[in-house]
PDB file of all heavy atoms in Angstrom:
ATOM      1  N   ILE A   1      37.947 -62.645  99.246  1.00  0.00           N
ATOM      2  CA  ILE A   1      39.094 -61.729  99.258  1.00  0.00           C
ATOM      3  C   ILE A   1      39.228 -61.104  97.869  1.00  0.00           C
ATOM      4  O   ILE A   1      39.184 -61.803  96.859  1.00  0.00           O
ATOM      5  CB  ILE A   1      40.391 -62.472  99.623  1.00  0.00           C
ATOM      6  CG1 ILE A   1      40.319 -62.986 101.066  1.00  0.00           C
ATOM      7  CG2 ILE A   1      41.600 -61.556  99.449  1.00  0.00           C
ATOM      8  CD1 ILE A   1      41.472 -63.901 101.441  1.00  0.00           C
ATOM      9  N   ILE A   2      39.384 -59.790  97.836  1.00  0.00           N
ATOM     10  CA  ILE A   2      39.623 -59.059  96.587  1.00  0.00           C
ATOM     11  C   ILE A   2      40.967 -58.363  96.760  1.00  0.00           C
ATOM     12  O   ILE A   2      41.105 -57.447  97.575  1.00  0.00           O
ATOM     13  CB  ILE A   2      38.498 -58.051  96.312  1.00  0.00           C
ATOM     14  CG1 ILE A   2      37.153 -58.776  96.272  1.00  0.00           C
ATOM     15  CG2 ILE A   2      38.736 -57.305  95.000  1.00  0.00           C
ATOM     16  CD1 ILE A   2      35.969 -57.888  96.533  1.00  0.00           C
ATOM     17  N   ASP A   3      41.959 -58.809  96.007  1.00  0.00           N
ATOM     18  CA  ASP A   3      43.348 -58.449  96.263  1.00  0.00           C
ATOM     19  C   ASP A   3      43.971 -57.966  94.959  1.00  0.00           C
ATOM     20  O   ASP A   3      44.052 -58.722  93.989  1.00  0.00           O
ATOM     21  CB  ASP A   3      44.068 -59.706  96.782  1.00  0.00           C
ATOM     22  CG  ASP A   3      45.524 -59.459  97.153  1.00  0.00           C
ATOM     23  OD1 ASP A   3      46.072 -58.401  96.824  1.00  0.00           O
ATOM     24  OD2 ASP A   3      46.111 -60.356  97.776  1.00  0.00           O
ATOM     25  N   GLY A   4      44.375 -56.696  94.908  1.00  0.00           N
ATOM     26  CA  GLY A   4      44.850 -56.186  93.629  1.00  0.00           C
ATOM     27  C   GLY A   4      45.891 -55.093  93.708  1.00  0.00           C
ATOM     28  O   GLY A   4      46.090 -54.465  94.751  1.00  0.00           O
ATOM     29  N   THR A   5      46.541 -54.879  92.571  1.00  0.00           N
ATOM     30  CA  THR A   5      47.448 -53.758  92.368  1.00  0.00           C
ATOM     31  C   THR A   5      47.128 -53.145  91.007  1.00  0.00           C
ATOM     32  O   THR A   5      47.041 -53.863  90.011  1.00  0.00           O
ATOM     33  CB  THR A   5      48.917 -54.208  92.391  1.00  0.00           C
ATOM     34  OG1 THR A   5      49.206 -54.803  93.652  1.00  0.00           O
ATOM     35  CG2 THR A   5      49.844 -53.022  92.176  1.00  0.00           C
ATOM     36  N   ILE A   6      46.916 -51.836  90.980  1.00  0.00           N
ATOM     37  CA  ILE A   6      46.600 -51.122  89.734  1.00  0.00           C
ATOM     38  C   ILE A   6      47.515 -49.921  89.620  1.00  0.00           C
ATOM     39  O   ILE A   6      47.686 -49.159  90.572  1.00  0.00           O
ATOM     40  CB  ILE A   6      45.120 -50.668  89.711  1.00  0.00           C
ATOM     41  CG1 ILE A   6      44.176 -51.859  89.915  1.00  0.00           C
ATOM     42  CG2 ILE A   6      44.796 -49.972  88.388  1.00  0.00           C
ATOM     43  CD1 ILE A   6      42.715 -51.470  90.044  1.00  0.00           C
ATOM     44  N   ASP A   7      48.105 -49.741  88.438  1.00  0.00           N
ATOM     45  CA  ASP A   7      48.982 -48.602  88.166  1.00  0.00           C
ATOM     46  C   ASP A   7      48.374 -47.702  87.094  1.00  0.00           C
ATOM     47  O   ASP A   7      47.617 -48.166  86.237  1.00  0.00           O
ATOM     48  CB  ASP A   7      50.344 -49.094  87.672  1.00  0.00           C
ATOM     49  CG  ASP A   7      51.157 -49.747  88.763  1.00  0.00           C
ATOM     50  OD1 ASP A   7      51.403 -49.093  89.786  1.00  0.00           O
ATOM     51  OD2 ASP A   7      51.544 -50.926  88.603  1.00  0.00           O
ATOM     52  N   GLY A   8      48.717 -46.414  87.143  1.00  0.00           N
ATOM     53  CA  GLY A   8      48.339 -45.495  86.082  1.00  0.00           C
ATOM     54  C   GLY A   8      47.123 -44.638  86.362  1.00  0.00           C
ATOM     55  O   GLY A   8      46.671 -43.903  85.473  1.00  0.00           O
ATOM     56  N   LEU A   9      46.591 -44.703  87.569  1.00  0.00           N
ATOM     57  CA  LEU A   9      45.426 -43.889  87.930  1.00  0.00           C
ATOM     58  C   LEU A   9      45.864 -42.572  88.574  1.00  0.00           C
ATOM     59  O   LEU A   9      46.963 -42.469  89.124  1.00  0.00           O
ATOM     60  CB  LEU A   9      44.533 -44.655  88.907  1.00  0.00           C
ATOM     61  CG  LEU A   9      43.761 -45.852  88.345  1.00  0.00           C
ATOM     62  CD1 LEU A   9      43.261 -46.737  89.469  1.00  0.00           C
ATOM     63  CD2 LEU A   9      42.599 -45.380  87.477  1.00  0.00           C
ATOM     64  N   ALA A  10      44.984 -41.583  88.533  1.00  0.00           N
ATOM     65  CA  ALA A  10      45.261 -40.322  89.216  1.00  0.00           C
ATOM     66  C   ALA A  10      45.192 -40.544  90.725  1.00  0.00           C
ATOM     67  O   ALA A  10      44.381 -41.330  91.215  1.00  0.00           O
ATOM     68  CB  ALA A  10      44.229 -39.270  88.801  1.00  0.00           C
ATOM     69  N   PRO A  11      46.037 -39.879  91.498  1.00  0.00           N
ATOM     70  CA  PRO A  11      46.004 -40.033  92.957  1.00  0.00           C
ATOM     71  C   PRO A  11      44.636 -39.696  93.533  1.00  0.00           C
ATOM     72  O   PRO A  11      43.918 -38.848  93.017  1.00  0.00           O
ATOM     73  CB  PRO A  11      47.060 -39.027  93.433  1.00  0.00           C
ATOM     74  CG  PRO A  11      48.003 -38.901  92.284  1.00  0.00           C
ATOM     75  CD  PRO A  11      47.135 -38.991  91.053  1.00  0.00           C
ATOM     76  N   GLY A  12      44.277 -40.403  94.601  1.00  0.00           N
ATOM     77  CA  GLY A  12      42.985 -40.208  95.243  1.00  0.00           C
ATOM     78  C   GLY A  12      42.144 -41.462  95.195  1.00  0.00           C
ATOM     79  O   GLY A  12      42.642 -42.572  94.962  1.00  0.00           O
ATOM     80  N   GLU A  13      40.838 -41.308  95.402  1.00  0.00           N
ATOM     81  CA  GLU A  13      39.920 -42.448  95.433  1.00  0.00           C
ATOM     82  C   GLU A  13      39.271 -42.679  94.078  1.00  0.00           C
ATOM     83  O   GLU A  13      38.947 -41.738  93.360  1.00  0.00           O
ATOM     84  CB  GLU A  13      38.832 -42.221  96.482  1.00  0.00           C
ATOM     85  CG  GLU A  13      39.326 -42.330  97.921  1.00  0.00           C
ATOM     86  CD  GLU A  13      38.176 -42.320  98.909  1.00  0.00           C
ATOM     87  OE1 GLU A  13      37.269 -41.465  98.754  1.00  0.00           O
ATOM     88  OE2 GLU A  13      38.168 -43.153  99.823  1.00  0.00           O
ATOM     89  N   HIS A  14      39.060 -43.953  93.758  1.00  0.00           N
ATOM     90  CA  HIS A  14      38.372 -44.357  92.535  1.00  0.00           C
ATOM     91  C   HIS A  14      37.422 -45.506  92.866  1.00  0.00           C
ATOM     92  O   HIS A  14      37.766 -46.410  93.638  1.00  0.00           O
ATOM     93  CB  HIS A  14      39.371 -44.820  91.471  1.00  0.00           C
ATOM     94  CG  HIS A  14      40.288 -43.741  90.992  1.00  0.00           C
ATOM     95  ND1 HIS A  14      40.038 -43.015  89.844  1.00  0.00           N
ATOM     96  CD2 HIS A  14      41.439 -43.250  91.506  1.00  0.00           C
ATOM     97  CE1 HIS A  14      41.006 -42.125  89.674  1.00  0.00           C
ATOM     98  NE2 HIS A  14      41.874 -42.254  90.673  1.00  0.00           N
ATOM     99  N   GLY A  15      36.226 -45.465  92.259  1.00  0.00           N
ATOM    100  CA  GLY A  15      35.275 -46.540  92.463  1.00  0.00           C
ATOM    101  C   GLY A  15      35.698 -47.819  91.760  1.00  0.00           C
ATOM    102  O   GLY A  15      36.358 -47.783  90.714  1.00  0.00           O
ATOM    103  N   ILE A  16      35.305 -48.959  92.328  1.00  0.00           N
ATOM    104  CA  ILE A  16      35.588 -50.260  91.712  1.00  0.00           C
ATOM    105  C   ILE A  16      34.348 -51.135  91.865  1.00  0.00           C
ATOM    106  O   ILE A  16      33.765 -51.227  92.949  1.00  0.00           O
ATOM    107  CB  ILE A  16      36.849 -50.907  92.339  1.00  0.00           C
ATOM    108  CG1 ILE A  16      37.204 -52.205  91.620  1.00  0.00           C
ATOM    109  CG2 ILE A  16      36.710 -51.092  93.833  1.00  0.00           C
ATOM    110  CD1 ILE A  16      38.578 -52.733  91.982  1.00  0.00           C
ATOM    111  N   HIS A  17      33.917 -51.729  90.732  1.00  0.00           N
ATOM    112  CA  HIS A  17      32.658 -52.456  90.725  1.00  0.00           C
ATOM    113  C   HIS A  17      32.729 -53.677  89.823  1.00  0.00           C
ATOM    114  O   HIS A  17      33.452 -53.679  88.821  1.00  0.00           O
ATOM    115  CB  HIS A  17      31.507 -51.570  90.214  1.00  0.00           C
ATOM    116  CG  HIS A  17      31.468 -50.207  90.828  1.00  0.00           C
ATOM    117  ND1 HIS A  17      32.023 -49.093  90.207  1.00  0.00           N
ATOM    118  CD2 HIS A  17      30.963 -49.773  91.999  1.00  0.00           C
ATOM    119  CE1 HIS A  17      31.839 -48.029  90.983  1.00  0.00           C
ATOM    120  NE2 HIS A  17      31.203 -48.418  92.075  1.00  0.00           N
ATOM    121  N   VAL A  18      31.953 -54.693  90.167  1.00  0.00           N
ATOM    122  CA  VAL A  18      31.733 -55.820  89.259  1.00  0.00           C
ATOM    123  C   VAL A  18      30.509 -55.487  88.413  1.00  0.00           C
ATOM    124  O   VAL A  18      29.457 -55.127  88.952  1.00  0.00           O
ATOM    125  CB  VAL A  18      31.500 -57.133  90.037  1.00  0.00           C
ATOM    126  CG1 VAL A  18      31.116 -58.262  89.081  1.00  0.00           C
ATOM    127  CG2 VAL A  18      32.745 -57.516  90.825  1.00  0.00           C
ATOM    128  N   HIS A  19      30.651 -55.593  87.083  1.00  0.00           N
ATOM    129  CA  HIS A  19      29.532 -55.333  86.170  1.00  0.00           C
ATOM    130  C   HIS A  19      28.988 -56.652  85.630  1.00  0.00           C
ATOM    131  O   HIS A  19      29.662 -57.685  85.661  1.00  0.00           O
ATOM    132  CB  HIS A  19      29.980 -54.431  85.025  1.00  0.00           C
ATOM    133  CG  HIS A  19      30.103 -52.996  85.430  1.00  0.00           C
ATOM    134  ND1 HIS A  19      29.351 -51.986  84.861  1.00  0.00           N
ATOM    135  CD2 HIS A  19      30.890 -52.395  86.357  1.00  0.00           C
ATOM    136  CE1 HIS A  19      29.673 -50.829  85.413  1.00  0.00           C
ATOM    137  NE2 HIS A  19      30.612 -51.051  86.319  1.00  0.00           N
ATOM    138  N   GLU A  20      27.767 -56.601  85.126  1.00  0.00           N
ATOM    139  CA  GLU A  20      27.031 -57.828  84.823  1.00  0.00           C
ATOM    140  C   GLU A  20      27.556 -58.599  83.613  1.00  0.00           C
ATOM    141  O   GLU A  20      27.383 -59.808  83.533  1.00  0.00           O
ATOM    142  CB  GLU A  20      25.548 -57.506  84.619  1.00  0.00           C
ATOM    143  CG  GLU A  20      25.270 -56.479  83.526  1.00  0.00           C
ATOM    144  CD  GLU A  20      23.821 -56.033  83.512  1.00  0.00           C
ATOM    145  OE1 GLU A  20      23.031 -56.570  84.311  1.00  0.00           O
ATOM    146  OE2 GLU A  20      23.478 -55.152  82.706  1.00  0.00           O
ATOM    147  N   CYS A  21      28.216 -57.930  82.672  1.00  0.00           N
ATOM    148  CA  CYS A  21      28.633 -58.604  81.430  1.00  0.00           C
ATOM    149  C   CYS A  21      30.153 -58.617  81.283  1.00  0.00           C
ATOM    150  O   CYS A  21      30.847 -57.774  81.840  1.00  0.00           O
ATOM    151  CB  CYS A  21      28.015 -57.911  80.212  1.00  0.00           C
ATOM    152  SG  CYS A  21      26.220 -57.789  80.260  1.00  0.00           S
ATOM    153  N   GLY A  22      30.642 -59.566  80.497  1.00  0.00           N
ATOM    154  CA  GLY A  22      32.071 -59.692  80.265  1.00  0.00           C
ATOM    155  C   GLY A  22      32.465 -59.376  78.841  1.00  0.00           C
ATOM    156  O   GLY A  22      33.431 -59.933  78.327  1.00  0.00           O
ATOM    157  N   ASP A  23      31.745 -58.471  78.196  1.00  0.00           N
ATOM    158  CA  ASP A  23      32.031 -58.098  76.813  1.00  0.00           C
ATOM    159  C   ASP A  23      32.830 -56.800  76.798  1.00  0.00           C
ATOM    160  O   ASP A  23      32.277 -55.723  77.030  1.00  0.00           O
ATOM    161  CB  ASP A  23      30.719 -57.932  76.044  1.00  0.00           C
ATOM    162  CG  ASP A  23      30.937 -57.525  74.582  1.00  0.00           C
ATOM    163  OD1 ASP A  23      32.107 -57.424  74.150  1.00  0.00           O
ATOM    164  OD2 ASP A  23      29.930 -57.308  73.883  1.00  0.00           O
ATOM    165  N   ILE A  24      34.146 -56.884  76.520  1.00  0.00           N
ATOM    166  CA  ILE A  24      34.968 -55.672  76.440  1.00  0.00           C
ATOM    167  C   ILE A  24      35.421 -55.420  75.002  1.00  0.00           C
ATOM    168  O   ILE A  24      36.436 -54.763  74.772  1.00  0.00           O
ATOM    169  CB  ILE A  24      36.172 -55.750  77.393  1.00  0.00           C
ATOM    170  CG1 ILE A  24      37.081 -56.930  77.054  1.00  0.00           C
ATOM    171  CG2 ILE A  24      35.719 -55.824  78.834  1.00  0.00           C
ATOM    172  CD1 ILE A  24      38.402 -56.908  77.819  1.00  0.00           C
ATOM    173  N   SER A  25      34.643 -55.925  74.042  1.00  0.00           N
ATOM    174  CA  SER A  25      34.988 -55.736  72.632  1.00  0.00           C
ATOM    175  C   SER A  25      34.901 -54.264  72.219  1.00  0.00           C
ATOM    176  O   SER A  25      35.529 -53.854  71.243  1.00  0.00           O
ATOM    177  CB  SER A  25      34.070 -56.588  71.743  1.00  0.00           C
ATOM    178  OG  SER A  25      32.714 -56.223  71.926  1.00  0.00           O
ATOM    179  N   ARG A  26      34.123 -53.480  72.938  1.00  0.00           N
ATOM    180  CA  ARG A  26      34.035 -52.032  72.697  1.00  0.00           C
ATOM    181  C   ARG A  26      34.470 -51.269  73.949  1.00  0.00           C
ATOM    182  O   ARG A  26      33.801 -50.368  74.408  1.00  0.00           O
ATOM    183  CB  ARG A  26      32.611 -51.646  72.295  1.00  0.00           C
ATOM    184  CG  ARG A  26      32.175 -52.222  70.954  1.00  0.00           C
ATOM    185  CD  ARG A  26      30.751 -51.833  70.587  1.00  0.00           C
ATOM    186  NE  ARG A  26      30.567 -50.390  70.565  1.00  0.00           N
ATOM    187  CZ  ARG A  26      29.615 -49.743  71.238  1.00  0.00           C
ATOM    188  NH1 ARG A  26      28.763 -50.420  71.996  1.00  0.00           N
ATOM    189  NH2 ARG A  26      29.500 -48.439  71.138  1.00  0.00           N
ATOM    190  N   GLY A  27      35.613 -51.686  74.485  1.00  0.00           N
ATOM    191  CA  GLY A  27      36.071 -51.075  75.723  1.00  0.00           C
ATOM    192  C   GLY A  27      35.135 -51.432  76.860  1.00  0.00           C
ATOM    193  O   GLY A  27      34.701 -52.574  76.982  1.00  0.00           O
ATOM    194  N   CYS A  28      34.809 -50.439  77.666  1.00  0.00           N
ATOM    195  CA  CYS A  28      33.940 -50.682  78.822  1.00  0.00           C
ATOM    196  C   CYS A  28      32.474 -50.337  78.545  1.00  0.00           C
ATOM    197  O   CYS A  28      31.651 -50.302  79.472  1.00  0.00           O
ATOM    198  CB  CYS A  28      34.441 -49.874  80.022  1.00  0.00           C
ATOM    199  SG  CYS A  28      36.147 -50.214  80.480  1.00  0.00           S
ATOM    200  N   ASP A  29      32.132 -50.089  77.272  1.00  0.00           N
ATOM    201  CA  ASP A  29      30.770 -49.677  76.934  1.00  0.00           C
ATOM    202  C   ASP A  29      29.761 -50.816  77.006  1.00  0.00           C
ATOM    203  O   ASP A  29      28.568 -50.585  77.210  1.00  0.00           O
ATOM    204  CB  ASP A  29      30.725 -49.066  75.528  1.00  0.00           C
ATOM    205  CG  ASP A  29      31.457 -47.745  75.445  1.00  0.00           C
ATOM    206  OD1 ASP A  29      31.673 -47.121  76.510  1.00  0.00           O
ATOM    207  OD2 ASP A  29      31.835 -47.341  74.332  1.00  0.00           O
ATOM    208  N   ASN A  30      30.232 -52.068  76.805  1.00  0.00           N
ATOM    209  CA  ASN A  30      29.300 -53.196  76.706  1.00  0.00           C
ATOM    210  C   ASN A  30      29.241 -54.075  77.951  1.00  0.00           C
ATOM    211  O   ASN A  30      28.711 -55.177  77.893  1.00  0.00           O
ATOM    212  CB  ASN A  30      29.692 -54.081  75.520  1.00  0.00           C
ATOM    213  CG  ASN A  30      29.243 -53.501  74.192  1.00  0.00           C
ATOM    214  OD1 ASN A  30      28.730 -52.379  74.136  1.00  0.00           O
ATOM    215  ND2 ASN A  30      29.431 -54.249  73.119  1.00  0.00           N
ATOM    216  N   VAL A  31      29.783 -53.599  79.058  1.00  0.00           N
ATOM    217  CA  VAL A  31      29.831 -54.459  80.251  1.00  0.00           C
ATOM    218  C   VAL A  31      28.549 -54.399  81.074  1.00  0.00           C
ATOM    219  O   VAL A  31      28.421 -55.082  82.089  1.00  0.00           O
ATOM    220  CB  VAL A  31      31.046 -54.113  81.142  1.00  0.00           C
ATOM    221  CG1 VAL A  31      32.341 -54.345  80.398  1.00  0.00           C
ATOM    222  CG2 VAL A  31      30.963 -52.686  81.665  1.00  0.00           C
ATOM    223  N   GLY A  32      27.581 -53.592  80.647  1.00  0.00           N
ATOM    224  CA  GLY A  32      26.312 -53.509  81.361  1.00  0.00           C
ATOM    225  C   GLY A  32      26.418 -52.685  82.631  1.00  0.00           C
ATOM    226  O   GLY A  32      27.368 -51.936  82.844  1.00  0.00           O
ATOM    227  N   GLU A  33      25.425 -52.852  83.485  1.00  0.00           N
ATOM    228  CA  GLU A  33      25.385 -52.115  84.750  1.00  0.00           C
ATOM    229  C   GLU A  33      26.056 -52.934  85.851  1.00  0.00           C
ATOM    230  O   GLU A  33      26.552 -54.029  85.621  1.00  0.00           O
ATOM    231  CB  GLU A  33      23.933 -51.790  85.112  1.00  0.00           C
ATOM    232  CG  GLU A  33      23.194 -50.992  84.048  1.00  0.00           C
ATOM    233  CD  GLU A  33      23.903 -49.690  83.683  1.00  0.00           C
ATOM    234  OE1 GLU A  33      24.472 -49.049  84.593  1.00  0.00           O
ATOM    235  OE2 GLU A  33      23.901 -49.321  82.493  1.00  0.00           O
ATOM    236  N   HIS A  34      26.047 -52.394  87.062  1.00  0.00           N
ATOM    237  CA  HIS A  34      26.624 -53.131  88.188  1.00  0.00           C
ATOM    238  C   HIS A  34      25.907 -54.475  88.360  1.00  0.00           C
ATOM    239  O   HIS A  34      24.686 -54.574  88.170  1.00  0.00           O
ATOM    240  CB  HIS A  34      26.472 -52.341  89.486  1.00  0.00           C
ATOM    241  CG  HIS A  34      27.263 -51.066  89.506  1.00  0.00           C
ATOM    242  ND1 HIS A  34      27.205 -50.169  90.543  1.00  0.00           N
ATOM    243  CD2 HIS A  34      28.158 -50.550  88.616  1.00  0.00           C
ATOM    244  CE1 HIS A  34      28.005 -49.151  90.292  1.00  0.00           C
ATOM    245  NE2 HIS A  34      28.587 -49.352  89.123  1.00  0.00           N
ATOM    246  N   PHE A  35      26.662 -55.504  88.720  1.00  0.00           N
ATOM    247  CA  PHE A  35      26.068 -56.813  88.992  1.00  0.00           C
ATOM    248  C   PHE A  35      25.112 -56.673  90.164  1.00  0.00           C
ATOM    249  O   PHE A  35      25.505 -56.342  91.286  1.00  0.00           O
ATOM    250  CB  PHE A  35      27.184 -57.812  89.307  1.00  0.00           C
ATOM    251  CG  PHE A  35      26.701 -59.188  89.655  1.00  0.00           C
ATOM    252  CD1 PHE A  35      25.708 -59.808  88.900  1.00  0.00           C
ATOM    253  CD2 PHE A  35      27.241 -59.868  90.732  1.00  0.00           C
ATOM    254  CE1 PHE A  35      25.265 -61.089  89.223  1.00  0.00           C
ATOM    255  CE2 PHE A  35      26.825 -61.140  91.059  1.00  0.00           C
ATOM    256  CZ  PHE A  35      25.820 -61.747  90.308  1.00  0.00           C
ATOM    257  N   ASN A  36      23.821 -56.897  89.908  1.00  0.00           N
ATOM    258  CA  ASN A  36      22.772 -56.555  90.872  1.00  0.00           C
ATOM    259  C   ASN A  36      21.643 -57.583  90.826  1.00  0.00           C
ATOM    260  O   ASN A  36      20.515 -57.278  90.435  1.00  0.00           O
ATOM    261  CB  ASN A  36      22.246 -55.143  90.554  1.00  0.00           C
ATOM    262  CG  ASN A  36      21.239 -54.649  91.567  1.00  0.00           C
ATOM    263  OD1 ASN A  36      21.180 -55.127  92.700  1.00  0.00           O
ATOM    264  ND2 ASN A  36      20.426 -53.687  91.157  1.00  0.00           N
TER     265      ASN A  36
END
């Protein structure tokens, strides 16, 4: 089950993905590619 609430996005559809790394020291630049 993936259950969430997110605020502050523009109306419409947005992609959501699990990425391979958990390093957010430089924002979302270091999280790698999609977990694959």
